[in-house]
C-alpha atoms as a PDB file:
ATOM      1  CA  MET A   1     -27.639  -2.024  15.372  1.00  0.00           C
ATOM      2  CA  SER A   2     -24.496  -4.174  15.254  1.00  0.00           C
ATOM      3  CA  ASN A   3     -26.550  -7.343  15.804  1.00  0.00           C
ATOM      4  CA  ASP A   4     -28.729  -6.481  12.788  1.00  0.00           C
ATOM      5  CA  MET A   5     -25.629  -5.870  10.680  1.00  0.00           C
ATOM      6  CA  GLU A   6     -24.166  -9.192  11.787  1.00  0.00           C
ATOM      7  CA  LYS A   7     -27.409 -10.993  10.914  1.00  0.00           C
ATOM      8  CA  ASP A   8     -27.477  -9.320   7.499  1.00  0.00           C
ATOM      9  CA  GLY A   9     -23.866 -10.306   6.914  1.00  0.00           C
ATOM     10  CA  THR A  10     -24.567 -13.918   7.881  1.00  0.00           C
ATOM     11  CA  ALA A  11     -27.625 -14.055   5.584  1.00  0.00           C
ATOM     12  CA  VAL A  12     -25.659 -12.668   2.646  1.00  0.00           C
ATOM     13  CA  GLN A  13     -22.867 -15.159   3.280  1.00  0.00           C
ATOM     14  CA  SER A  14     -25.374 -18.034   3.332  1.00  0.00           C
ATOM     15  CA  VAL A  15     -26.911 -16.898   0.046  1.00  0.00           C
ATOM     16  CA  ASP A  16     -23.453 -16.582  -1.482  1.00  0.00           C
ATOM     17  CA  ARG A  17     -22.539 -20.100  -0.369  1.00  0.00           C
ATOM     18  CA  ALA A  18     -25.815 -21.541  -1.638  1.00  0.00           C
ATOM     19  CA  LEU A  19     -25.214 -19.974  -5.040  1.00  0.00           C
ATOM     20  CA  SER A  20     -21.694 -21.375  -4.982  1.00  0.00           C
ATOM     21  CA  VAL A  21     -23.133 -24.857  -4.398  1.00  0.00           C
ATOM     22  CA  LEU A  22     -25.345 -24.492  -7.482  1.00  0.00           C
ATOM     23  CA  THR A  23     -22.420 -23.211  -9.536  1.00  0.00           C
ATOM     24  CA  LEU A  24     -20.212 -26.113  -8.442  1.00  0.00           C
ATOM     25  CA  LEU A  25     -22.881 -28.686  -9.296  1.00  0.00           C
ATOM     26  CA  ALA A  26     -23.453 -27.055 -12.667  1.00  0.00           C
ATOM     27  CA  ARG A  27     -19.736 -27.210 -13.424  1.00  0.00           C
ATOM     28  CA  ARG A  28     -18.747 -30.508 -11.813  1.00  0.00           C
ATOM     29  CA  GLY A  29     -21.923 -32.597 -11.896  1.00  0.00           C
ATOM     30  CA  ASP A  30     -22.576 -34.953  -8.935  1.00  0.00           C
ATOM     31  CA  LEU A  31     -20.805 -34.018  -5.707  1.00  0.00           C
ATOM     32  CA  GLY A  32     -20.975 -35.250  -2.148  1.00  0.00           C
ATOM     33  CA  VAL A  33     -21.353 -33.096   0.956  1.00  0.00           C
ATOM     34  CA  SER A  34     -17.708 -33.572   1.926  1.00  0.00           C
ATOM     35  CA  GLU A  35     -16.582 -32.526  -1.540  1.00  0.00           C
ATOM     36  CA  LEU A  36     -18.786 -29.444  -1.437  1.00  0.00           C
ATOM     37  CA  ALA A  37     -17.507 -28.549   2.018  1.00  0.00           C
ATOM     38  CA  ALA A  38     -13.915 -28.779   0.780  1.00  0.00           C
ATOM     39  CA  GLU A  39     -14.654 -26.651  -2.276  1.00  0.00           C
ATOM     40  CA  LEU A  40     -16.417 -23.997  -0.186  1.00  0.00           C
ATOM     41  CA  GLY A  41     -13.900 -24.111   2.642  1.00  0.00           C
ATOM     42  CA  VAL A  42     -16.604 -24.715   5.255  1.00  0.00           C
ATOM     43  CA  HIS A  43     -17.366 -27.410   7.830  1.00  0.00           C
ATOM     44  CA  ARG A  44     -19.234 -30.461   6.573  1.00  0.00           C
ATOM     45  CA  SER A  45     -22.260 -29.618   8.761  1.00  0.00           C
ATOM     46  CA  THR A  46     -22.500 -26.195   7.114  1.00  0.00           C
ATOM     47  CA  ALA A  47     -22.399 -27.718   3.629  1.00  0.00           C
ATOM     48  CA  PHE A  48     -25.044 -30.251   4.688  1.00  0.00           C
ATOM     49  CA  ARG A  49     -27.409 -27.490   5.882  1.00  0.00           C
ATOM     50  CA  LEU A  50     -26.938 -25.612   2.608  1.00  0.00           C
ATOM     51  CA  VAL A  51     -27.713 -28.714   0.560  1.00  0.00           C
ATOM     52  CA  MET A  52     -30.754 -29.559   2.691  1.00  0.00           C
ATOM     53  CA  THR A  53     -32.178 -26.055   2.187  1.00  0.00           C
ATOM     54  CA  LEU A  54     -31.609 -26.220  -1.563  1.00  0.00           C
ATOM     55  CA  GLU A  55     -33.174 -29.682  -1.680  1.00  0.00           C
ATOM     56  CA  MET A  56     -36.301 -28.364   0.076  1.00  0.00           C
ATOM     57  CA  HIS A  57     -36.757 -25.995  -2.870  1.00  0.00           C
ATOM     58  CA  ASP A  58     -36.019 -28.702  -5.485  1.00  0.00           C
ATOM     59  CA  LEU A  59     -32.878 -26.861  -6.558  1.00  0.00           C
ATOM     60  CA  VAL A  60     -30.723 -29.915  -5.819  1.00  0.00           C
ATOM     61  CA  GLU A  61     -31.574 -33.599  -5.523  1.00  0.00           C
ATOM     62  CA  GLN A  62     -29.846 -36.762  -4.407  1.00  0.00           C
ATOM     63  CA  THR A  63     -28.591 -39.129  -7.043  1.00  0.00           C
ATOM     64  CA  ALA A  64     -28.963 -42.901  -6.967  1.00  0.00           C
ATOM     65  CA  ASP A  65     -25.593 -42.883  -5.251  1.00  0.00           C
ATOM     66  CA  ARG A  66     -26.732 -41.759  -1.782  1.00  0.00           C
ATOM     67  CA  GLY A  67     -24.745 -38.835  -0.452  1.00  0.00           C
ATOM     68  CA  LYS A  68     -24.173 -37.391  -3.901  1.00  0.00           C
ATOM     69  CA  TYR A  69     -26.140 -34.380  -5.105  1.00  0.00           C
ATOM     70  CA  ARG A  70     -26.898 -32.831  -8.485  1.00  0.00           C
ATOM     71  CA  LEU A  71     -28.956 -29.913  -9.770  1.00  0.00           C
ATOM     72  CA  GLY A  72     -32.697 -30.455  -9.291  1.00  0.00           C
ATOM     73  CA  VAL A  73     -35.824 -29.829 -11.334  1.00  0.00           C
ATOM     74  CA  GLY A  74     -36.347 -26.490  -9.592  1.00  0.00           C
ATOM     75  CA  VAL A  75     -33.433 -25.089 -11.571  1.00  0.00           C
ATOM     76  CA  ILE A  76     -35.085 -26.271 -14.789  1.00  0.00           C
ATOM     77  CA  ARG A  77     -38.338 -24.556 -13.820  1.00  0.00           C
ATOM     78  CA  LEU A  78     -36.543 -21.288 -13.134  1.00  0.00           C
ATOM     79  CA  ALA A  79     -34.626 -21.518 -16.397  1.00  0.00           C
ATOM     80  CA  GLY A  80     -37.829 -22.385 -18.256  1.00  0.00           C
ATOM     81  CA  ALA A  81     -39.638 -19.337 -16.873  1.00  0.00           C
ATOM     82  CA  THR A  82     -36.815 -17.063 -17.958  1.00  0.00           C
ATOM     83  CA  THR A  83     -36.609 -18.675 -21.395  1.00  0.00           C
ATOM     84  CA  ALA A  84     -40.367 -18.348 -21.885  1.00  0.00           C
ATOM     85  CA  ARG A  85     -40.233 -14.652 -21.059  1.00  0.00           C
ATOM     86  CA  LEU A  86     -37.334 -14.079 -23.436  1.00  0.00           C
ATOM     87  CA  ASP A  87     -39.147 -16.038 -26.163  1.00  0.00           C
ATOM     88  CA  VAL A  88     -42.220 -13.816 -25.863  1.00  0.00           C
ATOM     89  CA  VAL A  89     -40.132 -10.652 -26.161  1.00  0.00           C
ATOM     90  CA  GLN A  90     -38.103 -12.015 -29.047  1.00  0.00           C
ATOM     91  CA  GLU A  91     -41.057 -13.326 -31.044  1.00  0.00           C
ATOM     92  CA  SER A  92     -43.273 -10.287 -30.456  1.00  0.00           C
ATOM     93  CA  ARG A  93     -40.766  -7.561 -31.319  1.00  0.00           C
ATOM     94  CA  ALA A  94     -41.071  -7.445 -35.128  1.00  0.00           C
ATOM     95  CA  ILE A  95     -44.811  -8.140 -35.062  1.00  0.00           C
ATOM     96  CA  GLY A  96     -45.323  -5.426 -32.441  1.00  0.00           C
ATOM     97  CA  GLU A  97     -43.330  -2.931 -34.480  1.00  0.00           C
ATOM     98  CA  ARG A  98     -45.516  -3.582 -37.514  1.00  0.00           C
ATOM     99  CA  LEU A  99     -48.648  -3.232 -35.394  1.00  0.00           C
ATOM    100  CA  ALA A 100     -47.402   0.053 -33.913  1.00  0.00           C
ATOM    101  CA  ALA A 101     -46.684   1.380 -37.398  1.00  0.00           C
ATOM    102  CA  ALA A 102     -50.101   0.308 -38.703  1.00  0.00           C
ATOM    103  CA  VAL A 103     -52.126   1.716 -35.806  1.00  0.00           C
ATOM    104  CA  GLY A 104     -49.856   4.676 -35.142  1.00  0.00           C
ATOM    105  CA  GLU A 105     -49.865   4.156 -31.383  1.00  0.00           C
ATOM    106  CA  THR A 106     -47.772   2.460 -28.692  1.00  0.00           C
ATOM    107  CA  VAL A 107     -47.686  -1.330 -28.465  1.00  0.00           C
ATOM    108  CA  ASN A 108     -46.864  -3.035 -25.169  1.00  0.00           C
ATOM    109  CA  VAL A 109     -46.294  -6.656 -24.199  1.00  0.00           C
ATOM    110  CA  ALA A 110     -47.039  -7.681 -20.610  1.00  0.00           C
ATOM    111  CA  ILE A 111     -46.877 -10.819 -18.479  1.00  0.00           C
ATOM    112  CA  LEU A 112     -48.444 -11.793 -15.170  1.00  0.00           C
ATOM    113  CA  ASP A 113     -45.866 -11.376 -12.420  1.00  0.00           C
ATOM    114  CA  ARG A 114     -47.101 -12.150  -8.916  1.00  0.00           C
ATOM    115  CA  ASP A 115     -50.187  -9.916  -8.530  1.00  0.00           C
ATOM    116  CA  GLU A 116     -49.380  -7.320 -11.195  1.00  0.00           C
ATOM    117  CA  ALA A 117     -48.896  -6.953 -14.917  1.00  0.00           C
ATOM    118  CA  LEU A 118     -45.226  -6.526 -15.786  1.00  0.00           C
ATOM    119  CA  TYR A 119     -44.530  -4.724 -19.052  1.00  0.00           C
ATOM    120  CA  VAL A 120     -41.611  -6.512 -20.728  1.00  0.00           C
ATOM    121  CA  ASP A 121     -41.408  -4.664 -24.047  1.00  0.00           C
ATOM    122  CA  GLN A 122     -42.685  -1.587 -25.851  1.00  0.00           C
ATOM    123  CA  MET A 123     -42.798  -0.462 -29.470  1.00  0.00           C
ATOM    124  CA  ALA A 124     -43.768   3.126 -30.284  1.00  0.00           C
ATOM    125  CA  GLY A 125     -45.832   4.063 -33.335  1.00  0.00           C
ATOM    126  CA  PRO A 126     -45.386   7.254 -35.404  1.00  0.00           C
ATOM    127  CA  SER A 127     -48.102   9.139 -33.491  1.00  0.00           C
ATOM    128  CA  ALA A 128     -46.652   8.267 -30.086  1.00  0.00           C
ATOM    129  CA  LEU A 129     -44.155  11.109 -29.929  1.00  0.00           C
ATOM    130  CA  GLN A 130     -42.076  11.096 -26.733  1.00  0.00           C
ATOM    131  CA  ALA A 131     -44.054   8.127 -25.477  1.00  0.00           C
ATOM    132  CA  TYR A 132     -43.657   7.144 -21.840  1.00  0.00           C
ATOM    133  CA  ASN A 133     -41.551   3.998 -21.629  1.00  0.00           C
ATOM    134  CA  TRP A 134     -43.661   1.352 -19.909  1.00  0.00           C
ATOM    135  CA  ALA A 135     -41.084  -1.436 -20.260  1.00  0.00           C
ATOM    136  CA  GLY A 136     -40.158  -2.714 -16.808  1.00  0.00           C
ATOM    137  CA  ARG A 137     -43.129  -1.022 -15.157  1.00  0.00           C
ATOM    138  CA  ARG A 138     -45.634  -2.950 -13.052  1.00  0.00           C
ATOM    139  CA  VAL A 139     -49.282  -1.940 -13.120  1.00  0.00           C
ATOM    140  CA  ALA A 140     -52.537  -3.028 -11.525  1.00  0.00           C
ATOM    141  CA  LEU A 141     -54.276  -5.866 -13.316  1.00  0.00           C
ATOM    142  CA  HIS A 142     -57.842  -4.629 -12.951  1.00  0.00           C
ATOM    143  CA  ALA A 143     -57.192  -1.136 -14.359  1.00  0.00           C
ATOM    144  CA  THR A 144     -55.441  -2.019 -17.619  1.00  0.00           C
ATOM    145  CA  SER A 145     -56.372  -3.881 -20.794  1.00  0.00           C
ATOM    146  CA  ASN A 146     -53.272  -6.081 -20.542  1.00  0.00           C
ATOM    147  CA  GLY A 147     -54.087  -6.850 -16.929  1.00  0.00           C
ATOM    148  CA  LYS A 148     -57.676  -7.779 -17.734  1.00  0.00           C
ATOM    149  CA  VAL A 149     -56.512 -10.203 -20.424  1.00  0.00           C
ATOM    150  CA  LEU A 150     -54.118 -11.847 -17.970  1.00  0.00           C
ATOM    151  CA  LEU A 151     -56.822 -12.016 -15.301  1.00  0.00           C
ATOM    152  CA  ALA A 152     -59.405 -13.391 -17.719  1.00  0.00           C
ATOM    153  CA  HIS A 153     -57.180 -16.346 -18.572  1.00  0.00           C
ATOM    154  CA  ALA A 154     -55.840 -17.041 -15.084  1.00  0.00           C
ATOM    155  CA  PRO A 155     -56.885 -20.348 -13.436  1.00  0.00           C
ATOM    156  CA  ALA A 156     -60.054 -20.023 -11.358  1.00  0.00           C
ATOM    157  CA  GLU A 157     -58.288 -20.247  -7.993  1.00  0.00           C
ATOM    158  CA  ARG A 158     -55.669 -17.715  -9.074  1.00  0.00           C
ATOM    159  CA  LEU A 159     -58.349 -15.343 -10.351  1.00  0.00           C
ATOM    160  CA  GLU A 160     -60.190 -15.596  -7.044  1.00  0.00           C
ATOM    161  CA  GLU A 161     -56.969 -14.807  -5.214  1.00  0.00           C
ATOM    162  CA  LEU A 162     -56.080 -11.846  -7.442  1.00  0.00           C
ATOM    163  CA  THR A 163     -59.514 -10.231  -7.100  1.00  0.00           C
ATOM    164  CA  ALA A 164     -60.148 -11.050  -3.436  1.00  0.00           C
ATOM    165  CA  GLY A 165     -58.629  -7.924  -1.905  1.00  0.00           C
ATOM    166  CA  PRO A 166     -59.708  -4.292  -2.253  1.00  0.00           C
ATOM    167  CA  LEU A 167     -59.284  -3.039  -5.824  1.00  0.00           C
ATOM    168  CA  ARG A 168     -57.579   0.335  -5.955  1.00  0.00           C
ATOM    169  CA  SER A 169     -59.298   3.227  -7.713  1.00  0.00           C
ATOM    170  CA  PHE A 170     -57.043   5.187 -10.069  1.00  0.00           C
ATOM    171  CA  THR A 171     -59.785   7.273 -11.702  1.00  0.00           C
ATOM    172  CA  GLU A 172     -63.562   7.480 -11.471  1.00  0.00           C
ATOM    173  CA  ARG A 173     -63.678   4.985 -14.361  1.00  0.00           C
ATOM    174  CA  THR A 174     -61.650   2.261 -12.605  1.00  0.00           C
ATOM    175  CA  VAL A 175     -63.642  -0.917 -11.974  1.00  0.00           C
ATOM    176  CA  THR A 176     -63.262  -1.569  -8.244  1.00  0.00           C
ATOM    177  CA  ASP A 177     -66.157  -3.971  -7.670  1.00  0.00           C
ATOM    178  CA  ALA A 178     -64.921  -7.568  -7.891  1.00  0.00           C
ATOM    179  CA  GLY A 179     -68.257  -8.910  -9.108  1.00  0.00           C
ATOM    180  CA  ARG A 180     -68.479  -6.360 -11.893  1.00  0.00           C
ATOM    181  CA  LEU A 181     -64.871  -7.037 -12.848  1.00  0.00           C
ATOM    182  CA  ARG A 182     -65.456 -10.792 -13.109  1.00  0.00           C
ATOM    183  CA  LYS A 183     -68.453 -10.189 -15.401  1.00  0.00           C
ATOM    184  CA  GLU A 184     -66.251  -8.022 -17.604  1.00  0.00           C
ATOM    185  CA  LEU A 185     -63.623 -10.767 -17.666  1.00  0.00           C
ATOM    186  CA  ASP A 186     -66.270 -13.192 -18.942  1.00  0.00           C
ATOM    187  CA  VAL A 187     -66.824 -10.797 -21.843  1.00  0.00           C
ATOM    188  CA  VAL A 188     -63.062 -10.547 -22.419  1.00  0.00           C
ATOM    189  CA  ARG A 189     -62.770 -14.331 -22.701  1.00  0.00           C
ATOM    190  CA  GLY A 190     -65.725 -14.480 -25.074  1.00  0.00           C
ATOM    191  CA  ARG A 191     -64.704 -11.772 -27.529  1.00  0.00           C
ATOM    192  CA  GLY A 192     -60.948 -12.294 -27.371  1.00  0.00           C
ATOM    193  CA  TYR A 193     -59.803  -8.856 -26.248  1.00  0.00           C
ATOM    194  CA  ALA A 194     -60.017  -6.366 -23.366  1.00  0.00           C
ATOM    195  CA  THR A 195     -60.306  -2.596 -23.240  1.00  0.00           C
ATOM    196  CA  ALA A 196     -59.495   0.015 -20.617  1.00  0.00           C
ATOM    197  CA  VAL A 197     -60.776   3.534 -21.226  1.00  0.00           C
ATOM    198  CA  ASP A 198     -59.653   6.213 -18.767  1.00  0.00           C
ATOM    199  CA  GLU A 199     -59.318   3.535 -16.072  1.00  0.00           C
ATOM    200  CA  LEU A 200     -55.624   3.818 -15.211  1.00  0.00           C
ATOM    201  CA  GLU A 201     -55.242   7.422 -16.305  1.00  0.00           C
ATOM    202  CA  ILE A 202     -57.777   9.900 -17.593  1.00  0.00           C
ATOM    203  CA  GLY A 203     -57.169  10.359 -21.301  1.00  0.00           C
ATOM    204  CA  LEU A 204     -55.534   6.941 -21.807  1.00  0.00           C
ATOM    205  CA  THR A 205     -57.219   4.142 -23.759  1.00  0.00           C
ATOM    206  CA  ALA A 206     -55.837   0.675 -24.435  1.00  0.00           C
ATOM    207  CA  VAL A 207     -56.920  -2.528 -26.176  1.00  0.00           C
ATOM    208  CA  ALA A 208     -55.224  -5.885 -25.496  1.00  0.00           C
ATOM    209  CA  ALA A 209     -55.374  -9.483 -26.714  1.00  0.00           C
ATOM    210  CA  PRO A 210     -53.909 -12.728 -25.313  1.00  0.00           C
ATOM    211  CA  VAL A 211     -50.719 -14.443 -26.448  1.00  0.00           C
ATOM    212  CA  PHE A 212     -50.822 -18.247 -26.159  1.00  0.00           C
ATOM    213  CA  ASN A 213     -47.997 -20.747 -25.932  1.00  0.00           C
ATOM    214  CA  VAL A 214     -47.785 -24.170 -27.564  1.00  0.00           C
ATOM    215  CA  GLU A 215     -49.905 -25.696 -24.775  1.00  0.00           C
ATOM    216  CA  GLY A 216     -52.702 -23.154 -25.240  1.00  0.00           C
ATOM    217  CA  ALA A 217     -51.929 -21.283 -22.022  1.00  0.00           C
ATOM    218  CA  VAL A 218     -51.871 -17.484 -21.994  1.00  0.00           C
ATOM    219  CA  VAL A 219     -48.286 -16.421 -21.338  1.00  0.00           C
ATOM    220  CA  ALA A 220     -48.573 -12.721 -22.186  1.00  0.00           C
ATOM    221  CA  SER A 221     -50.828 -10.028 -23.545  1.00  0.00           C
ATOM    222  CA  MET A 222     -50.235  -7.501 -26.316  1.00  0.00           C
ATOM    223  CA  SER A 223     -51.857  -4.093 -26.314  1.00  0.00           C
ATOM    224  CA  VAL A 224     -52.224  -0.871 -28.255  1.00  0.00           C
ATOM    225  CA  SER A 225     -52.535   2.248 -26.140  1.00  0.00           C
ATOM    226  CA  GLY A 226     -52.822   5.925 -26.844  1.00  0.00           C
ATOM    227  CA  PRO A 227     -54.737   9.112 -26.058  1.00  0.00           C
ATOM    228  CA  THR A 228     -58.468   8.542 -25.756  1.00  0.00           C
ATOM    229  CA  PHE A 229     -59.180  11.225 -28.346  1.00  0.00           C
ATOM    230  CA  ARG A 230     -57.142   9.232 -30.910  1.00  0.00           C
ATOM    231  CA  LEU A 231     -58.699   5.922 -29.851  1.00  0.00           C
ATOM    232  CA  PRO A 232     -62.404   6.788 -29.587  1.00  0.00           C
ATOM    233  CA  ALA A 233     -65.065   4.148 -28.960  1.00  0.00           C
ATOM    234  CA  GLU A 234     -65.974   3.841 -32.630  1.00  0.00           C
ATOM    235  CA  ARG A 235     -62.363   2.975 -33.527  1.00  0.00           C
ATOM    236  CA  LEU A 236     -61.845   0.321 -30.842  1.00  0.00           C
ATOM    237  CA  PRO A 237     -63.366  -2.687 -32.688  1.00  0.00           C
ATOM    238  CA  GLU A 238     -61.071  -2.079 -35.669  1.00  0.00           C
ATOM    239  CA  VAL A 239     -57.996  -1.669 -33.451  1.00  0.00           C
ATOM    240  CA  ALA A 240     -59.029  -4.723 -31.414  1.00  0.00           C
ATOM    241  CA  GLY A 241     -59.077  -6.775 -34.602  1.00  0.00           C
ATOM    242  CA  GLN A 242     -55.552  -5.630 -35.449  1.00  0.00           C
ATOM    243  CA  VAL A 243     -54.307  -6.382 -31.938  1.00  0.00           C
ATOM    244  CA  ARG A 244     -55.891  -9.837 -31.952  1.00  0.00           C
ATOM    245  CA  ALA A 245     -54.356 -10.650 -35.330  1.00  0.00           C
ATOM    246  CA  ALA A 246     -50.914  -9.538 -34.133  1.00  0.00           C
ATOM    247  CA  ALA A 247     -51.215 -11.462 -30.851  1.00  0.00           C
ATOM    248  CA  GLU A 248     -52.253 -14.578 -32.772  1.00  0.00           C
ATOM    249  CA  ARG A 249     -49.189 -14.253 -35.010  1.00  0.00           C
ATOM    250  CA  VAL A 250     -46.974 -14.094 -31.928  1.00  0.00           C
ATOM    251  CA  SER A 251     -48.839 -17.090 -30.492  1.00  0.00           C
ATOM    252  CA  SER A 252     -48.254 -18.999 -33.708  1.00  0.00           C
ATOM    253  CA  ARG A 253     -44.536 -18.292 -33.487  1.00  0.00           C
ATOM    254  CA  LEU A 254     -44.601 -19.723 -29.957  1.00  0.00           C
ATOM    255  CA  GLY A 255     -46.119 -22.935 -31.329  1.00  0.00           C
ATOM    256  CA  TRP A 256     -49.783 -22.236 -30.583  1.00  0.00           C
ATOM    257  CA  SER A 257     -52.522 -23.570 -32.836  1.00  0.00           C
ATOM    258  CA  GLY A 258     -56.100 -22.324 -32.648  1.00  0.00           C
ATOM    259  CA  ASP A 259     -59.409 -23.259 -34.195  1.00  0.00           C
ATOM    260  CA  GLU A 260     -61.217 -21.381 -36.952  1.00  0.00           C
ATOM    261  CA  ASN A 261     -62.547 -18.878 -34.423  1.00  0.00           C
ATOM    262  CA  GLY A 262     -59.073 -17.989 -33.227  1.00  0.00           C
ATOM    263  CA  ARG A 263     -59.594 -19.721 -29.894  1.00  0.00           C
ATOM    264  CA  PRO A 264     -57.027 -22.144 -28.438  1.00  0.00           C
ATOM    265  CA  LEU A 265     -57.605 -25.829 -28.906  1.00  0.00           C
ATOM    266  CA  THR A 266     -58.320 -27.659 -25.659  1.00  0.00           C
ATOM    267  CA  GLY A 267     -57.602 -31.351 -25.503  1.00  0.00           C
END
């Protein structure tokens, strides 16, 4: 028990020191191992191991002056991912609120996070009284309209990886056969939106469309969801059109430009 606690304490201390290295480099610029060791109050060998670990993850890099280190491109990638997520939330908020008001149901914005859809924002329409707050919730990709949009636009290798394992059944309507799911994703790509009717929960229907960034990559999906009795099959094409239009407006605000069919331009 005490050994485990000691290991945990050592790991936490190492993480703390590594973060201190990044903070020092952000504040001071280029620093050598000896300088870092002095700032941290540790032996030079300890500072060297910290820097080597951070360099392996591209979080620091050596400058032209050998022995000096600065922040690496890995930090830029992390910052870029966070900025992109914040941009999607910021640019979709007002558009999502107008969509929720027009349709009368709940609007959600989701992103692909590891092997799930992460809901990053929600706007409730006038009919969605006491709506469940999905923001911050992770859900299965194959059982939701947002998830299907994100799957449909994932790179081929990533799609194969995400659909390789057993697909969990949430209701009798959940698509759990990978082959059938991939055929549905082909349809999603072709028509520009995805639906999920009673697949995550009985009585819940949702329609989602992709949000593109300036490079034409799908960075999020926007959906309308509500009780199945208020979103019957005959209403879905109309709602899908509204969701697509809203998602395209968000995409435009992110710098995306599409052709006359609303599809992203590719090289």
